[in-house]
Amino acid sequence: MSSVTIFVGLDYHQEMVQLCVLDEVGRVLTNRSLLNNTNVIRKTAERFGTVQAAAIEACCGAANLAQELREGGWSVSLAHPGFVARMKQNPDKTDFGDARLLADLLRVGYLPKVWLAPERIRRLRRLVRYRRQLVDQRRNLKLRIRAVLRENRVKPNERMSAWTKRWRSWLEREAELHEDDRWIVAEHLEAMDRLSQKICEVEALLIQKTQDDLVIAQLLRLPGVGLVTAVTLRAEVGQFDRFQSGKQLAKFCGLSPRNASSGQRQADAGVIQAGNPALRSVLAELAQRLAWRMKGRWSKLAARLLLKGKNRNVVVMAVANRFVRWLYHQMQPDQLTLSQAV
């Protein structure tokens, strides 16, 4: 094998991978399409020299390939697809150009990297997201049932809360619906029951798979944090110490305020649109509990912000932001070790 140091860019596809190999000065040694196979990729690249580093654009399946290459001794990084796209000077998109761009960005140290989660975290992430999909399907069924009621101008007693046992009993037996609409509602309710059962099964599996996880155990000790919040944080964040600060973690969670300024012009409008939507959702729900239902530092913060005239939604997101920044310090490895000892 040659002693030349090389940099590898891989444009990933399910069946094929575009491999680009550059030397230290940026010369293209090869740029060709290969089978999506770890051994084939390694043998082809290593013919040209010693692999200094490799880059793969993050997408479905790329993490698995990156893990296999790492196990073979390569230094592999996942690239952020959004930032890589912004760095392209050529508007044309080809596998040839994408692989070369990845290798070149890696060579000059400009590659925007994302975290490669361990296999255990990736499996947990799939379970958590599957549960979320089931919950979304159940919510859609509820919306369809409400649509049927609106179309028939049927309203329940105002003293009944929606989706309680009493409300459902009224819906099944007393609601004035045509037999066709009643059949549709019955089908939706049956599907909801099946989804609820599946959600319970997924949650039982999550408990089983995470019973020895120290991070989740520590999260569950915090006020207001339940199973869904804990496993979502663990699955989506993974390791809290991979962030440099609590502010950076809050930005990743989509809880930082949006700001656009130029010269004398400054505009603030809600929270940033980027970030992890699953984390933002569960943390907003957690902030609701901390701000309005529980006593402590977070309810005091919410009260102070309300006195300043802040909107309740703004208060909730502010509490979520502060909580995540506080949580960052509580979940560092030394704090987890200390908590385990106690």
Protein backbone atom coordinates (compact mmCIF):
# COMPACT_ATOMS: atom_id res chain seq x y z
CA MET A 1 0.00 0.00 0.00
CA SER A 2 1.29 3.48 -0.86
CA SER A 3 2.44 5.86 1.91
CA VAL A 4 0.43 8.72 0.38
CA THR A 5 -2.08 10.27 2.79
CA ILE A 6 -5.55 10.36 1.27
CA PHE A 7 -8.96 11.83 2.08
CA VAL A 8 -12.14 9.99 1.11
CA GLY A 9 -15.57 11.40 0.27
CA LEU A 10 -18.54 9.02 0.00
CA ASP A 11 -21.85 9.98 -1.61
CA TYR A 12 -24.20 7.37 -0.15
CA HIS A 13 -27.01 5.50 -1.91
CA GLN A 14 -28.77 2.28 -0.95
CA GLU A 15 -27.25 0.17 -3.74
CA MET A 16 -24.17 2.16 -4.80
CA VAL A 17 -21.67 4.56 -3.27
CA GLN A 18 -19.73 7.25 -5.14
CA LEU A 19 -16.13 7.16 -3.89
CA CYS A 20 -13.79 10.13 -4.33
CA VAL A 21 -10.17 9.96 -3.15
CA LEU A 22 -8.02 13.11 -2.86
CA ASP A 23 -4.38 13.45 -1.88
CA GLU A 24 -3.04 16.12 0.50
CA VAL A 25 -2.89 18.83 -2.18
CA GLY A 26 -6.39 18.11 -3.51
CA ARG A 27 -5.60 16.06 -6.61
CA VAL A 28 -8.32 13.58 -7.54
CA LEU A 29 -6.85 10.08 -7.46
CA THR A 30 -10.15 8.38 -8.28
CA ASN A 31 -13.84 9.21 -8.40
CA ARG A 32 -15.96 6.20 -9.22
CA SER A 33 -19.15 4.36 -8.35
CA LEU A 34 -18.88 1.22 -6.21
CA LEU A 35 -21.17 -1.34 -4.66
CA ASN A 36 -22.43 -0.32 -1.23
CA ASN A 37 -20.17 -2.79 0.54
CA THR A 38 -17.66 -1.99 3.29
CA ASN A 39 -14.95 -4.36 2.05
CA VAL A 40 -15.20 -3.13 -1.55
CA ILE A 41 -14.98 0.52 -0.42
CA ARG A 42 -11.97 -0.10 1.83
CA LYS A 43 -10.01 -2.14 -0.72
CA THR A 44 -10.59 0.40 -3.49
CA ALA A 45 -9.61 3.43 -1.39
CA GLU A 46 -6.60 1.86 0.31
CA ARG A 47 -5.01 1.08 -3.06
CA PHE A 48 -4.21 4.79 -3.33
CA GLY A 49 -2.67 5.34 0.10
CA THR A 50 -3.28 5.58 3.83
CA VAL A 51 -6.74 6.88 4.66
CA GLN A 52 -6.38 9.97 6.86
CA ALA A 53 -10.14 10.51 7.17
CA ALA A 54 -13.42 9.84 5.38
CA ALA A 55 -16.68 11.77 5.14
CA ILE A 56 -20.24 10.60 4.43
CA GLU A 57 -23.24 12.89 4.08
CA ALA A 58 -25.73 12.03 6.84
CA CYS A 59 -28.80 10.21 5.48
CA CYS A 60 -30.75 7.02 6.05
CA GLY A 61 -28.26 4.14 6.29
CA ALA A 62 -25.13 6.31 6.27
CA ALA A 63 -24.58 5.92 10.03
CA ASN A 64 -24.47 2.14 9.68
CA LEU A 65 -21.83 2.33 6.92
CA ALA A 66 -19.81 4.86 8.93
CA GLN A 67 -19.86 2.55 11.96
CA GLU A 68 -18.63 -0.41 9.89
CA LEU A 69 -15.79 1.66 8.41
CA ARG A 70 -14.81 2.87 11.88
CA GLU A 71 -14.68 -0.70 13.11
CA GLY A 72 -12.29 -1.36 10.21
CA GLY A 73 -9.91 1.33 11.49
CA TRP A 74 -10.97 4.38 9.48
CA SER A 75 -11.63 7.82 10.93
CA VAL A 76 -15.11 8.57 9.58
CA SER A 77 -17.24 11.70 10.00
CA LEU A 78 -20.89 12.29 9.12
CA ALA A 79 -21.49 15.58 7.29
CA HIS A 80 -24.48 17.85 7.86
CA PRO A 81 -26.41 17.69 4.54
CA GLY A 82 -27.94 21.16 4.88
CA PHE A 83 -24.65 22.98 5.47
CA VAL A 84 -22.86 20.98 2.78
CA ALA A 85 -25.53 22.02 0.26
CA ARG A 86 -24.95 25.70 1.11
CA MET A 87 -21.23 25.33 0.44
CA LYS A 88 -21.71 24.13 -3.13
CA GLN A 89 -20.62 26.69 -5.71
CA ASN A 90 -21.96 24.67 -8.64
CA PRO A 91 -25.79 24.59 -8.87
CA ASP A 92 -25.64 21.22 -10.67
CA LYS A 93 -26.02 18.17 -8.46
CA THR A 94 -24.15 15.01 -9.40
CA ASP A 95 -22.81 12.11 -7.36
CA PHE A 96 -19.38 12.83 -8.84
CA GLY A 97 -19.41 16.42 -7.59
CA ASP A 98 -20.95 15.61 -4.20
CA ALA A 99 -18.31 13.00 -3.35
CA ARG A 100 -15.51 15.34 -4.38
CA LEU A 101 -16.95 18.21 -2.33
CA LEU A 102 -17.12 16.01 0.79
CA ALA A 103 -13.52 14.87 0.37
CA ASP A 104 -12.30 18.44 -0.26
CA LEU A 105 -14.15 19.94 2.72
CA LEU A 106 -12.67 17.20 4.90
CA ARG A 107 -9.18 17.86 3.53
CA VAL A 108 -9.22 21.59 4.31
CA GLY A 109 -10.97 21.17 7.68
CA TYR A 110 -14.27 22.83 6.71
CA LEU A 111 -16.52 19.77 6.89
CA PRO A 112 -19.68 20.55 8.95
CA LYS A 113 -19.84 17.42 11.11
CA VAL A 114 -22.74 15.81 12.93
CA TRP A 115 -22.56 13.33 15.78
CA LEU A 116 -22.40 9.63 14.92
CA ALA A 117 -24.57 8.01 17.59
CA PRO A 118 -23.64 4.55 18.89
CA GLU A 119 -25.72 1.63 17.64
CA ARG A 120 -27.52 1.33 21.00
CA ILE A 121 -28.68 4.96 20.81
CA ARG A 122 -29.75 4.57 17.18
CA ARG A 123 -31.90 1.56 18.10
CA LEU A 124 -33.47 3.48 20.98
CA ARG A 125 -34.09 6.40 18.64
CA ARG A 126 -36.00 4.15 16.24
CA LEU A 127 -38.20 2.86 19.06
CA VAL A 128 -38.93 6.37 20.36
CA ARG A 129 -39.77 7.65 16.89
CA TYR A 130 -41.98 4.64 16.21
CA ARG A 131 -43.94 5.44 19.38
CA ARG A 132 -44.27 9.03 18.20
CA GLN A 133 -45.64 7.84 14.85
CA LEU A 134 -48.29 5.77 16.65
CA VAL A 135 -49.26 8.76 18.80
CA ASP A 136 -49.56 10.95 15.69
CA GLN A 137 -51.78 8.35 14.02
CA ARG A 138 -54.03 8.24 17.08
CA ARG A 139 -54.25 12.04 17.14
CA ASN A 140 -55.25 12.05 13.46
CA LEU A 141 -58.09 9.63 14.24
CA LYS A 142 -59.31 11.95 16.99
CA LEU A 143 -59.33 14.84 14.52
CA ARG A 144 -61.36 12.77 12.05
CA ILE A 145 -63.95 11.95 14.73
CA ARG A 146 -64.24 15.64 15.63
CA ALA A 147 -64.68 16.43 11.93
CA VAL A 148 -67.62 14.02 11.73
CA LEU A 149 -69.22 15.70 14.76
CA ARG A 150 -68.74 19.17 13.26
CA GLU A 151 -70.25 18.12 9.94
CA ASN A 152 -73.34 16.89 11.78
CA ARG A 153 -73.36 19.92 14.12
CA VAL A 154 -73.37 17.59 17.12
CA LYS A 155 -72.12 19.01 20.41
CA PRO A 156 -71.72 17.17 23.72
CA ASN A 157 -72.69 18.52 27.11
CA GLU A 158 -70.31 21.35 27.97
CA ARG A 159 -69.61 19.77 31.36
CA MET A 160 -67.99 16.74 29.70
CA SER A 161 -64.29 16.80 28.84
CA ALA A 162 -63.37 15.31 25.47
CA TRP A 163 -61.98 11.77 25.32
CA THR A 164 -62.94 10.86 28.88
CA LYS A 165 -64.87 7.62 29.52
CA ARG A 166 -68.07 9.61 29.98
CA TRP A 167 -67.53 11.54 26.73
CA ARG A 168 -66.79 8.33 24.81
CA SER A 169 -69.89 6.68 26.24
CA TRP A 170 -71.94 9.65 25.02
CA LEU A 171 -70.28 9.43 21.60
CA GLU A 172 -71.01 5.73 21.17
CA ARG A 173 -74.58 5.69 22.54
CA GLU A 174 -76.19 9.12 22.61
CA ALA A 175 -74.66 11.28 19.87
CA GLU A 176 -77.26 12.00 17.17
CA LEU A 177 -75.48 10.63 14.12
CA HIS A 178 -76.65 8.94 10.94
CA GLU A 179 -75.93 5.21 10.87
CA ASP A 180 -73.21 5.74 8.24
CA ASP A 181 -71.45 8.34 10.38
CA ARG A 182 -71.88 6.21 13.48
CA TRP A 183 -70.20 3.31 11.67
CA ILE A 184 -67.28 5.57 10.66
CA VAL A 185 -66.88 6.78 14.25
CA ALA A 186 -66.96 3.19 15.53
CA GLU A 187 -64.22 2.22 13.06
CA HIS A 188 -62.08 5.15 14.18
CA LEU A 189 -62.59 4.28 17.85
CA GLU A 190 -61.62 0.67 17.21
CA ALA A 191 -58.46 1.80 15.40
CA MET A 192 -57.68 4.15 18.30
CA ASP A 193 -57.94 1.27 20.76
CA ARG A 194 -55.51 -0.80 18.69
CA LEU A 195 -53.05 2.09 18.53
CA SER A 196 -53.33 2.68 22.28
CA GLN A 197 -52.49 -0.98 22.87
CA LYS A 198 -49.47 -0.73 20.56
CA ILE A 199 -48.29 2.43 22.34
CA CYS A 200 -48.45 0.60 25.68
CA GLU A 201 -46.43 -2.28 24.20
CA VAL A 202 -43.75 0.10 22.88
CA GLU A 203 -43.53 1.86 26.25
CA ALA A 204 -43.13 -1.49 28.02
CA LEU A 205 -40.30 -2.36 25.61
CA LEU A 206 -38.68 1.04 26.23
CA ILE A 207 -38.72 0.39 29.98
CA GLN A 208 -37.16 -3.02 29.44
CA LYS A 209 -34.42 -1.75 27.10
CA THR A 210 -33.43 1.22 29.29
CA GLN A 211 -33.60 -0.24 32.79
CA ASP A 212 -29.78 -0.20 33.11
CA ASP A 213 -29.28 3.23 31.52
CA LEU A 214 -27.75 5.66 34.05
CA VAL A 215 -28.67 8.75 32.01
CA ILE A 216 -32.35 7.81 31.89
CA ALA A 217 -32.31 6.87 35.58
CA GLN A 218 -30.94 10.33 36.40
CA LEU A 219 -33.51 12.05 34.17
CA LEU A 220 -36.38 10.19 35.82
CA ARG A 221 -35.31 11.56 39.21
CA LEU A 222 -36.00 15.12 38.05
CA PRO A 223 -39.36 16.72 38.91
CA GLY A 224 -41.89 16.56 36.09
CA VAL A 225 -39.83 14.18 33.93
CA GLY A 226 -41.62 10.96 32.94
CA LEU A 227 -40.70 8.00 30.78
CA VAL A 228 -41.50 9.60 27.41
CA THR A 229 -39.54 12.78 28.18
CA ALA A 230 -36.56 10.82 29.52
CA VAL A 231 -36.26 8.35 26.64
CA THR A 232 -36.79 11.10 24.05
CA LEU A 233 -33.97 13.16 25.55
CA ARG A 234 -31.72 10.11 25.70
CA ALA A 235 -32.50 9.03 22.15
CA GLU A 236 -32.26 12.43 20.46
CA VAL A 237 -29.47 14.03 22.54
CA GLY A 238 -27.54 10.85 23.26
CA GLN A 239 -24.57 12.24 25.19
CA PHE A 240 -24.98 15.63 26.83
CA ASP A 241 -21.21 16.22 26.99
CA ARG A 242 -20.95 16.31 23.18
CA PHE A 243 -22.21 19.90 23.38
CA GLN A 244 -19.88 22.69 24.42
CA SER A 245 -22.44 24.59 26.49
CA GLY A 246 -26.03 24.64 27.66
CA LYS A 247 -26.76 27.35 25.08
CA GLN A 248 -25.62 25.05 22.29
CA LEU A 249 -27.85 22.26 23.61
CA ALA A 250 -30.84 24.63 23.78
CA LYS A 251 -30.22 25.61 20.16
CA PHE A 252 -30.08 21.93 19.13
CA CYS A 253 -33.44 21.43 20.88
CA GLY A 254 -34.96 24.34 18.94
CA LEU A 255 -35.53 26.46 22.06
CA SER A 256 -33.32 29.49 21.33
CA PRO A 257 -34.94 32.82 20.43
CA ARG A 258 -34.75 33.79 16.77
CA ASN A 259 -32.85 36.96 15.95
CA ALA A 260 -32.24 38.80 12.69
CA SER A 261 -30.29 42.04 12.82
CA SER A 262 -28.45 44.24 10.35
CA GLY A 263 -27.16 47.71 11.21
CA GLN A 264 -29.86 49.54 13.16
CA ARG A 265 -32.53 47.00 12.24
CA GLN A 266 -33.30 44.20 14.67
CA ALA A 267 -36.14 41.69 14.54
CA ASP A 268 -37.05 39.09 17.14
CA ALA A 269 -39.74 36.56 16.29
CA GLY A 270 -40.33 33.45 18.39
CA VAL A 271 -37.89 30.56 18.53
CA ILE A 272 -35.59 29.35 15.78
CA GLN A 273 -37.12 27.17 13.08
CA ALA A 274 -34.13 24.84 13.07
CA GLY A 275 -33.60 22.29 15.81
CA ASN A 276 -35.05 18.94 16.73
CA PRO A 277 -38.89 19.11 16.59
CA ALA A 278 -39.38 16.00 18.76
CA LEU A 279 -37.24 17.50 21.53
CA ARG A 280 -38.93 20.89 21.25
CA SER A 281 -42.34 19.23 21.63
CA VAL A 282 -41.57 17.14 24.73
CA LEU A 283 -39.62 19.95 26.39
CA ALA A 284 -42.46 22.43 25.80
CA GLU A 285 -44.85 19.95 27.46
CA LEU A 286 -42.40 19.53 30.34
CA ALA A 287 -42.13 23.31 30.71
CA GLN A 288 -45.94 23.52 30.95
CA ARG A 289 -45.86 21.13 33.89
CA LEU A 290 -42.95 22.89 35.58
CA ALA A 291 -44.38 26.38 35.11
CA TRP A 292 -48.06 25.88 35.99
CA ARG A 293 -48.49 22.63 37.92
CA MET A 294 -45.42 22.33 40.16
CA LYS A 295 -43.87 24.60 42.76
CA GLY A 296 -40.20 25.48 42.63
CA ARG A 297 -37.64 27.58 40.79
CA TRP A 298 -39.34 27.14 37.41
CA SER A 299 -42.77 28.24 38.58
CA LYS A 300 -41.13 31.28 40.20
CA LEU A 301 -39.40 32.09 36.91
CA ALA A 302 -42.73 31.79 35.08
CA ALA A 303 -44.41 34.08 37.62
CA ARG A 304 -41.70 36.75 37.21
CA LEU A 305 -42.01 36.68 33.43
CA LEU A 306 -45.81 36.96 33.62
CA LEU A 307 -45.46 40.02 35.86
CA LYS A 308 -43.30 41.59 33.15
CA GLY A 309 -46.18 41.20 30.71
CA LYS A 310 -44.85 38.24 28.74
CA ASN A 311 -47.29 36.03 26.83
CA ARG A 312 -47.89 32.59 28.37
CA ASN A 313 -46.45 30.83 25.31
CA VAL A 314 -43.32 32.96 25.53
CA VAL A 315 -43.06 32.10 29.23
CA VAL A 316 -43.30 28.37 28.51
CA MET A 317 -40.53 28.48 25.90
CA ALA A 318 -38.36 30.60 28.21
CA VAL A 319 -38.78 28.05 31.01
CA ALA A 320 -37.94 25.23 28.57
CA ASN A 321 -34.82 27.09 27.42
CA ARG A 322 -33.59 27.73 30.97
CA PHE A 323 -34.39 24.17 32.03
CA VAL A 324 -32.34 22.65 29.19
CA ARG A 325 -29.39 24.91 29.93
CA TRP A 326 -29.58 23.86 33.59
CA LEU A 327 -30.00 20.21 32.60
CA TYR A 328 -26.82 20.32 30.53
CA HIS A 329 -24.73 20.79 33.67
CA GLN A 330 -26.67 18.17 35.65
CA MET A 331 -26.07 15.48 33.02
CA GLN A 332 -22.30 15.76 32.68
CA PRO A 333 -20.38 12.48 33.31
CA ASP A 334 -18.95 13.63 36.67
CA GLN A 335 -22.45 14.51 37.91
CA LEU A 336 -23.81 11.13 36.79
CA THR A 337 -20.99 9.33 38.60
CA LEU A 338 -21.62 11.36 41.76
CA SER A 339 -25.36 10.66 41.58
CA GLN A 340 -24.72 6.93 41.17
CA ALA A 341 -22.44 6.93 44.22
CA VAL A 342 -25.06 8.71 46.33
